[in-house]
N, C-alpha and C. Protein backbone atom coordinates (compact mmCIF):
# COMPACT_ATOMS: atom_id res chain seq x y z
N MET A 1 1.59 10.28 0.49
CA MET A 1 1.09 9.73 -0.89
C MET A 1 1.66 10.59 -2.04
N ALA A 2 1.92 11.84 -1.75
CA ALA A 2 2.53 12.68 -2.76
C ALA A 2 3.95 12.19 -3.10
N LEU A 3 4.65 11.75 -2.09
CA LEU A 3 6.05 11.06 -2.31
C LEU A 3 5.97 9.82 -3.14
N ILE A 4 4.96 9.03 -2.81
CA ILE A 4 4.85 7.77 -3.62
C ILE A 4 4.52 8.18 -5.04
N LEU A 5 3.66 9.08 -5.29
CA LEU A 5 3.45 9.55 -6.61
C LEU A 5 4.66 10.23 -7.31
N LYS A 6 5.43 10.86 -6.49
CA LYS A 6 6.67 11.60 -7.05
C LYS A 6 7.72 10.52 -7.48
N GLU A 7 7.83 9.46 -6.56
CA GLU A 7 8.70 8.36 -6.83
C GLU A 7 8.45 7.61 -8.19
N GLY A 8 7.18 7.62 -8.57
CA GLY A 8 6.83 6.95 -9.77
C GLY A 8 6.11 5.64 -9.61
N CYS A 9 4.89 5.66 -9.11
CA CYS A 9 4.21 4.43 -8.92
C CYS A 9 3.27 4.12 -10.10
N TYR A 10 2.85 2.91 -10.22
CA TYR A 10 2.02 2.36 -11.34
C TYR A 10 0.71 1.89 -10.80
N ASP A 11 -0.31 1.99 -11.71
CA ASP A 11 -1.67 1.48 -11.47
C ASP A 11 -1.50 -0.08 -11.40
N PHE A 12 -2.14 -0.65 -10.47
CA PHE A 12 -2.08 -2.18 -10.28
C PHE A 12 -2.55 -2.97 -11.57
N ILE A 13 -3.49 -2.37 -12.32
CA ILE A 13 -4.05 -3.14 -13.40
C ILE A 13 -3.58 -2.71 -14.72
N SER A 14 -3.63 -1.46 -14.98
CA SER A 14 -3.21 -0.95 -16.29
C SER A 14 -1.62 -0.83 -16.43
N GLY A 15 -1.00 -0.65 -15.33
CA GLY A 15 0.35 -0.45 -15.41
C GLY A 15 0.77 0.95 -15.82
N SER A 16 -0.20 1.86 -15.95
CA SER A 16 0.02 3.20 -16.32
C SER A 16 0.70 3.95 -15.15
N ALA A 17 1.60 4.79 -15.57
CA ALA A 17 2.28 5.71 -14.55
C ALA A 17 1.32 6.55 -13.75
N MET A 18 1.36 6.58 -12.54
CA MET A 18 0.58 7.45 -11.79
C MET A 18 1.35 8.64 -11.33
N ASP A 19 0.93 9.78 -11.77
CA ASP A 19 1.60 11.08 -11.46
C ASP A 19 0.56 12.11 -11.17
N PHE A 20 0.99 13.36 -10.99
CA PHE A 20 0.05 14.39 -10.72
C PHE A 20 -0.90 14.66 -11.78
N THR A 21 -0.44 14.39 -12.98
CA THR A 21 -1.36 14.68 -14.28
C THR A 21 -2.44 13.57 -14.28
N THR A 22 -2.10 12.34 -14.14
CA THR A 22 -3.08 11.27 -14.18
C THR A 22 -3.97 11.12 -12.84
N PHE A 23 -3.49 11.74 -11.88
CA PHE A 23 -4.21 11.71 -10.60
C PHE A 23 -5.65 12.30 -10.80
N ILE A 24 -5.78 13.36 -11.53
CA ILE A 24 -7.09 14.00 -11.78
C ILE A 24 -7.80 13.28 -12.93
N ASP A 25 -7.04 13.00 -13.98
CA ASP A 25 -7.58 12.37 -15.17
C ASP A 25 -8.26 11.01 -14.96
N GLU A 26 -7.59 10.32 -14.04
CA GLU A 26 -8.02 8.89 -13.87
C GLU A 26 -8.93 8.76 -12.59
N ASN A 27 -9.32 9.88 -12.03
CA ASN A 27 -10.12 9.83 -10.78
C ASN A 27 -9.50 9.00 -9.68
N THR A 28 -8.18 9.33 -9.47
CA THR A 28 -7.37 8.72 -8.45
C THR A 28 -7.83 9.12 -7.07
N ASP A 29 -7.73 8.17 -6.17
CA ASP A 29 -8.05 8.52 -4.82
C ASP A 29 -7.07 7.62 -4.01
N ILE A 30 -7.07 7.92 -2.63
CA ILE A 30 -6.27 7.15 -1.73
C ILE A 30 -7.17 6.02 -1.20
N HIS A 31 -6.71 4.72 -1.33
CA HIS A 31 -7.53 3.65 -0.97
C HIS A 31 -6.80 2.57 -0.06
N HIS A 32 -7.59 1.82 0.61
CA HIS A 32 -6.90 0.86 1.57
C HIS A 32 -6.31 -0.26 0.75
N ILE A 33 -5.17 -0.71 1.18
CA ILE A 33 -4.41 -1.89 0.56
C ILE A 33 -5.03 -3.13 1.09
N PHE A 34 -5.16 -3.24 2.42
CA PHE A 34 -6.04 -4.34 3.01
C PHE A 34 -7.41 -3.60 3.22
N PRO A 35 -8.41 -4.00 2.41
CA PRO A 35 -9.73 -3.25 2.44
C PRO A 35 -10.32 -3.20 3.81
N ARG A 36 -11.10 -2.22 4.02
CA ARG A 36 -11.82 -1.97 5.34
C ARG A 36 -12.67 -3.22 5.67
N ALA A 37 -13.57 -3.68 4.74
CA ALA A 37 -14.42 -4.83 5.15
C ALA A 37 -13.63 -5.99 5.50
N TYR A 38 -12.45 -6.30 4.85
CA TYR A 38 -11.60 -7.42 5.15
C TYR A 38 -10.94 -7.21 6.68
N CYS A 39 -10.51 -6.01 6.90
CA CYS A 39 -9.87 -5.67 8.15
C CYS A 39 -10.87 -5.76 9.33
N GLU A 40 -12.12 -5.24 9.07
CA GLU A 40 -13.12 -5.32 10.09
C GLU A 40 -13.54 -6.86 10.38
N LEU A 41 -13.63 -7.62 9.37
CA LEU A 41 -13.94 -9.05 9.48
C LEU A 41 -12.89 -9.77 10.31
N LYS A 42 -11.56 -9.40 10.06
CA LYS A 42 -10.50 -9.95 10.82
C LYS A 42 -10.39 -9.37 12.20
N GLY A 43 -11.01 -8.32 12.54
CA GLY A 43 -10.86 -7.74 13.84
C GLY A 43 -9.57 -6.88 14.01
N TYR A 44 -8.92 -6.36 13.02
CA TYR A 44 -7.74 -5.64 13.09
C TYR A 44 -8.15 -4.22 13.65
N LYS A 45 -7.23 -3.64 14.44
CA LYS A 45 -7.53 -2.28 15.08
C LYS A 45 -7.59 -1.27 13.98
N ARG A 46 -8.72 -0.47 14.14
CA ARG A 46 -9.14 0.60 13.23
C ARG A 46 -7.99 1.49 13.04
N GLU A 47 -7.21 1.90 14.16
CA GLU A 47 -6.22 2.96 14.07
C GLU A 47 -5.03 2.47 13.17
N LYS A 48 -4.89 1.12 12.98
CA LYS A 48 -3.91 0.63 12.10
C LYS A 48 -4.45 0.50 10.65
N TRP A 49 -5.60 -0.23 10.48
CA TRP A 49 -5.96 -0.46 9.11
C TRP A 49 -6.52 0.85 8.36
N ASN A 50 -6.84 1.81 9.22
CA ASN A 50 -7.28 3.10 8.62
C ASN A 50 -6.25 4.07 8.59
N SER A 51 -5.05 3.80 8.86
CA SER A 51 -3.94 4.74 8.88
C SER A 51 -3.34 4.88 7.50
N ILE A 52 -2.48 5.92 7.22
CA ILE A 52 -1.89 6.03 5.93
C ILE A 52 -1.03 4.97 5.50
N VAL A 53 -0.48 4.22 6.51
CA VAL A 53 0.30 3.01 6.24
C VAL A 53 -0.42 1.93 5.36
N ASN A 54 -1.69 1.92 5.56
CA ASN A 54 -2.47 0.88 4.78
C ASN A 54 -3.16 1.67 3.67
N LYS A 55 -2.76 2.70 3.16
CA LYS A 55 -3.41 3.37 2.05
C LYS A 55 -2.37 3.69 0.97
N THR A 56 -2.95 3.69 -0.30
CA THR A 56 -2.08 4.09 -1.42
C THR A 56 -2.99 4.66 -2.51
N PRO A 57 -2.39 5.39 -3.43
CA PRO A 57 -3.06 5.97 -4.50
C PRO A 57 -3.52 4.86 -5.48
N LEU A 58 -4.78 4.85 -5.92
CA LEU A 58 -5.22 3.83 -6.92
C LEU A 58 -6.26 4.52 -7.80
N PHE A 59 -6.25 4.16 -9.11
CA PHE A 59 -7.31 4.60 -10.03
C PHE A 59 -8.57 4.05 -9.60
N ALA A 60 -9.65 4.87 -9.71
CA ALA A 60 -11.04 4.45 -9.31
C ALA A 60 -11.41 3.04 -9.94
N ARG A 61 -11.14 2.80 -11.11
CA ARG A 61 -11.51 1.51 -11.69
C ARG A 61 -10.78 0.32 -11.07
N THR A 62 -9.54 0.50 -10.74
CA THR A 62 -8.72 -0.43 -10.00
C THR A 62 -9.39 -0.76 -8.64
N ASN A 63 -9.74 0.26 -7.87
CA ASN A 63 -10.25 0.14 -6.66
C ASN A 63 -11.58 -0.67 -6.64
N ARG A 64 -12.35 -0.50 -7.65
CA ARG A 64 -13.60 -1.27 -7.75
C ARG A 64 -13.40 -2.77 -7.84
N ILE A 65 -12.25 -3.15 -8.38
CA ILE A 65 -11.97 -4.58 -8.47
C ILE A 65 -11.56 -5.23 -7.17
N LEU A 66 -10.92 -4.41 -6.30
CA LEU A 66 -10.48 -4.80 -5.04
C LEU A 66 -11.55 -5.22 -4.10
N GLU A 67 -12.65 -4.49 -4.18
CA GLU A 67 -13.79 -4.71 -3.33
C GLU A 67 -13.37 -4.77 -1.83
N GLY A 68 -13.94 -5.63 -1.05
CA GLY A 68 -13.60 -5.85 0.28
C GLY A 68 -12.79 -7.07 0.51
N ASN A 69 -12.12 -7.53 -0.44
CA ASN A 69 -11.48 -8.89 -0.41
C ASN A 69 -10.02 -8.79 0.17
N ALA A 70 -9.64 -9.92 0.62
CA ALA A 70 -8.26 -10.05 1.04
C ALA A 70 -7.39 -9.78 -0.08
N PRO A 71 -6.11 -9.12 0.17
CA PRO A 71 -5.16 -8.89 -0.94
C PRO A 71 -4.90 -10.16 -1.76
N SER A 72 -4.69 -11.25 -1.21
CA SER A 72 -4.36 -12.43 -1.97
C SER A 72 -5.51 -12.72 -2.95
N LYS A 73 -6.76 -12.60 -2.54
CA LYS A 73 -7.83 -12.72 -3.42
C LYS A 73 -7.95 -11.75 -4.66
N TYR A 74 -7.75 -10.38 -4.19
CA TYR A 74 -7.93 -9.44 -5.32
C TYR A 74 -6.75 -9.43 -6.28
N LEU A 75 -5.58 -9.89 -5.73
CA LEU A 75 -4.40 -9.97 -6.62
C LEU A 75 -4.53 -11.07 -7.61
N ASN A 76 -5.18 -12.14 -7.17
CA ASN A 76 -5.47 -13.36 -8.00
C ASN A 76 -6.45 -12.86 -9.15
N LYS A 77 -7.45 -12.23 -8.64
CA LYS A 77 -8.51 -11.70 -9.57
C LYS A 77 -7.92 -10.81 -10.60
N ILE A 78 -7.00 -9.90 -10.17
CA ILE A 78 -6.46 -9.01 -11.23
C ILE A 78 -5.67 -9.92 -12.33
N VAL A 79 -4.96 -10.97 -11.91
CA VAL A 79 -4.23 -11.72 -12.90
C VAL A 79 -5.11 -12.55 -13.72
N ASN A 80 -6.14 -13.14 -13.08
CA ASN A 80 -7.07 -13.99 -13.78
C ASN A 80 -8.06 -13.24 -14.72
N ASP A 81 -8.42 -12.03 -14.38
CA ASP A 81 -9.45 -11.36 -15.13
C ASP A 81 -8.87 -10.24 -16.08
N SER A 82 -7.52 -10.18 -16.14
CA SER A 82 -6.93 -9.09 -17.02
C SER A 82 -5.76 -9.56 -17.75
N THR A 83 -5.07 -8.86 -18.41
CA THR A 83 -3.92 -9.25 -19.13
C THR A 83 -2.61 -9.05 -18.35
N VAL A 84 -2.70 -8.73 -17.04
CA VAL A 84 -1.57 -8.40 -16.18
C VAL A 84 -0.86 -9.72 -15.89
N ILE A 85 0.44 -9.81 -16.00
CA ILE A 85 1.15 -11.07 -15.70
C ILE A 85 1.71 -10.81 -14.32
N VAL A 86 1.96 -11.81 -13.57
CA VAL A 86 2.35 -11.76 -12.09
C VAL A 86 3.68 -10.90 -11.91
N ASP A 87 4.60 -11.06 -12.82
CA ASP A 87 5.85 -10.24 -12.60
C ASP A 87 5.57 -8.79 -12.81
N ASP A 88 4.67 -8.42 -13.72
CA ASP A 88 4.34 -6.98 -13.86
C ASP A 88 3.59 -6.49 -12.72
N LEU A 89 2.61 -7.28 -12.25
CA LEU A 89 1.77 -6.84 -11.08
C LEU A 89 2.70 -6.63 -9.98
N ASP A 90 3.68 -7.58 -9.71
CA ASP A 90 4.51 -7.40 -8.56
C ASP A 90 5.33 -6.03 -8.69
N ARG A 91 5.80 -5.81 -9.94
CA ARG A 91 6.54 -4.45 -10.12
C ARG A 91 5.63 -3.30 -9.78
N TYR A 92 4.41 -3.29 -10.24
CA TYR A 92 3.40 -2.24 -10.01
C TYR A 92 3.25 -2.04 -8.42
N ILE A 93 3.02 -3.17 -7.74
CA ILE A 93 2.75 -3.14 -6.28
C ILE A 93 3.97 -2.66 -5.59
N THR A 94 5.17 -3.07 -5.94
CA THR A 94 6.41 -2.63 -5.35
C THR A 94 6.64 -1.11 -5.50
N SER A 95 6.17 -0.54 -6.47
CA SER A 95 6.33 0.87 -6.80
C SER A 95 5.65 1.68 -5.78
N HIS A 96 4.64 1.02 -5.05
CA HIS A 96 3.84 1.69 -3.99
C HIS A 96 4.47 1.52 -2.58
N LYS A 97 5.76 1.00 -2.57
CA LYS A 97 6.43 0.62 -1.35
C LYS A 97 5.69 -0.47 -0.55
N ILE A 98 5.25 -1.46 -1.26
CA ILE A 98 4.56 -2.64 -0.66
C ILE A 98 5.26 -3.80 -0.98
N ASP A 99 5.44 -4.71 -0.06
CA ASP A 99 6.04 -5.93 -0.28
C ASP A 99 5.04 -6.98 -0.73
N THR A 100 5.33 -7.44 -1.92
CA THR A 100 4.30 -8.39 -2.48
C THR A 100 4.06 -9.67 -1.69
N LEU A 101 5.09 -10.28 -1.18
CA LEU A 101 4.92 -11.49 -0.45
C LEU A 101 4.01 -11.32 0.77
N MET A 102 4.14 -10.22 1.44
CA MET A 102 3.28 -9.92 2.65
C MET A 102 1.84 -9.71 2.36
N ILE A 103 1.60 -9.13 1.17
CA ILE A 103 0.12 -9.01 0.86
C ILE A 103 -0.42 -10.20 0.02
N ARG A 104 0.38 -10.94 -0.56
CA ARG A 104 0.01 -12.23 -1.26
C ARG A 104 -0.40 -13.33 -0.20
N THR A 105 0.25 -13.20 1.02
CA THR A 105 -0.05 -14.07 2.09
C THR A 105 -1.00 -13.46 3.13
N ASP A 106 -1.51 -12.28 2.85
CA ASP A 106 -2.45 -11.67 3.77
C ASP A 106 -1.92 -11.38 5.15
N ASP A 107 -0.59 -11.18 5.29
CA ASP A 107 0.05 -10.97 6.57
C ASP A 107 0.09 -9.50 6.91
N PHE A 108 -1.17 -9.04 7.42
CA PHE A 108 -1.33 -7.64 7.74
C PHE A 108 -0.19 -7.10 8.77
N ASP A 109 0.13 -7.86 9.83
CA ASP A 109 1.03 -7.28 10.81
C ASP A 109 2.42 -7.10 10.23
N VAL A 110 2.90 -7.98 9.64
CA VAL A 110 4.20 -7.93 9.01
C VAL A 110 4.16 -6.81 7.88
N PHE A 111 3.14 -6.79 7.11
CA PHE A 111 3.00 -5.82 5.99
C PHE A 111 3.10 -4.42 6.64
N PHE A 112 2.33 -4.22 7.71
CA PHE A 112 2.19 -2.91 8.40
C PHE A 112 3.46 -2.34 8.81
N VAL A 113 4.30 -3.21 9.56
CA VAL A 113 5.62 -2.75 10.02
C VAL A 113 6.52 -2.45 8.77
N TYR A 114 6.58 -3.33 7.77
CA TYR A 114 7.43 -3.14 6.54
C TYR A 114 6.97 -1.81 5.95
N ARG A 115 5.74 -1.62 5.72
CA ARG A 115 5.35 -0.40 4.98
C ARG A 115 5.53 0.92 5.81
N ALA A 116 5.39 0.79 7.06
CA ALA A 116 5.72 1.91 7.90
C ALA A 116 7.10 2.37 7.74
N LYS A 117 7.99 1.37 7.83
CA LYS A 117 9.43 1.59 7.62
C LYS A 117 9.75 2.17 6.29
N ALA A 118 9.22 1.62 5.25
CA ALA A 118 9.40 2.16 3.94
C ALA A 118 8.90 3.61 3.71
N LEU A 119 7.71 3.90 4.21
CA LEU A 119 7.18 5.27 4.23
C LEU A 119 8.13 6.26 5.04
N LEU A 120 8.52 5.84 6.15
CA LEU A 120 9.44 6.68 7.03
C LEU A 120 10.78 6.91 6.24
N ASP A 121 11.23 5.95 5.65
CA ASP A 121 12.44 6.07 4.75
C ASP A 121 12.28 7.06 3.71
N LEU A 122 11.10 6.97 3.08
CA LEU A 122 10.76 7.88 1.98
C LEU A 122 10.65 9.27 2.43
N ILE A 123 10.01 9.53 3.56
CA ILE A 123 9.92 10.86 4.11
C ILE A 123 11.26 11.37 4.52
N GLY A 124 12.05 10.58 5.17
CA GLY A 124 13.31 11.00 5.58
C GLY A 124 14.25 11.40 4.47
N ALA A 125 14.15 10.64 3.40
CA ALA A 125 15.00 11.01 2.12
C ALA A 125 14.49 12.29 1.57
N ALA A 126 13.17 12.56 1.51
CA ALA A 126 12.66 13.79 1.01
C ALA A 126 13.08 15.00 1.83
N MET A 127 13.22 14.85 3.15
CA MET A 127 13.62 15.93 4.03
C MET A 127 15.08 16.03 4.17
N GLY A 128 15.82 14.95 3.70
CA GLY A 128 17.26 14.93 3.84
C GLY A 128 17.67 14.75 5.33
N LYS A 129 16.82 14.19 6.10
CA LYS A 129 17.06 14.01 7.47
C LYS A 129 16.64 12.59 7.93
N THR A 130 17.21 12.12 9.02
CA THR A 130 16.89 10.82 9.59
C THR A 130 15.62 10.98 10.51
N ILE A 131 14.70 10.08 10.38
CA ILE A 131 13.51 10.20 11.28
C ILE A 131 13.77 9.77 12.67
N SER A 132 13.48 10.57 13.64
CA SER A 132 13.87 10.26 15.04
C SER A 132 12.76 9.47 15.69
N ASN A 133 13.06 8.85 16.79
CA ASN A 133 12.22 8.10 17.72
C ASN A 133 11.66 6.84 17.06
N ARG A 134 12.39 6.30 16.03
CA ARG A 134 11.90 5.00 15.37
C ARG A 134 12.13 3.84 16.36
N ASP A 135 12.97 4.02 17.45
CA ASP A 135 13.17 3.03 18.45
C ASP A 135 12.63 3.37 19.85
N SER A 136 11.74 4.28 19.90
CA SER A 136 11.15 4.73 21.22
C SER A 136 10.23 3.65 21.70
N THR A 137 9.97 3.80 22.95
CA THR A 137 9.05 2.83 23.58
C THR A 137 7.61 2.97 22.95
N GLU A 138 7.23 4.19 22.62
CA GLU A 138 5.97 4.41 22.07
C GLU A 138 5.82 3.71 20.68
N THR A 139 6.88 3.81 19.89
CA THR A 139 6.95 3.15 18.60
C THR A 139 6.94 1.60 18.64
N ILE A 140 7.72 1.13 19.56
CA ILE A 140 7.88 -0.31 19.76
C ILE A 140 6.46 -0.81 20.30
N THR A 141 5.72 -0.09 21.05
CA THR A 141 4.47 -0.60 21.56
C THR A 141 3.40 -0.55 20.39
N ALA A 142 3.44 0.49 19.58
CA ALA A 142 2.51 0.62 18.51
C ALA A 142 2.80 -0.20 17.34
N PHE A 143 4.02 -0.50 17.07
CA PHE A 143 4.44 -1.31 15.94
C PHE A 143 4.99 -2.63 16.19
N TRP A 144 5.12 -3.06 17.43
CA TRP A 144 5.63 -4.40 17.89
C TRP A 144 7.18 -4.44 17.54
N GLY A 145 7.79 -3.29 17.54
CA GLY A 145 9.18 -3.30 17.29
C GLY A 145 9.71 -1.91 16.75
N LYS A 146 10.96 -1.82 16.62
CA LYS A 146 11.57 -0.61 16.16
C LYS A 146 11.30 -0.38 14.62
N LEU A 147 11.15 0.84 14.32
CA LEU A 147 10.97 1.12 12.85
C LEU A 147 12.16 1.78 12.36
């Protein structure tokens, strides 16, 4: 999450830059992208929906709007209830290494693999190294394919 903040992510609603300064000022926390209640309702495995792959920094007021809804529902709510236009919202979401199409269609499995790859790429770039074992049997079993 520190690397996402360092890269320069934006709050989903206000569009404010999220950095280490605003982290404290805005009561920022790490929250689920696919909310817990939604994931439990869908029967997704806890080890996946509760992993860091499904979490991102969000301002407290933004997280309250997400509630336990599917991403498609809370994204529509953000657009309908605020002054955020779709193109701006997509830019804010993408800054968190999240593919907008995958969460707009509530495709958790495809989202999960895409985001895991994006986070590994971010970590590898920060270390100046390639992440190993992305094609191991264990990885393929856990993620349904190579990362």
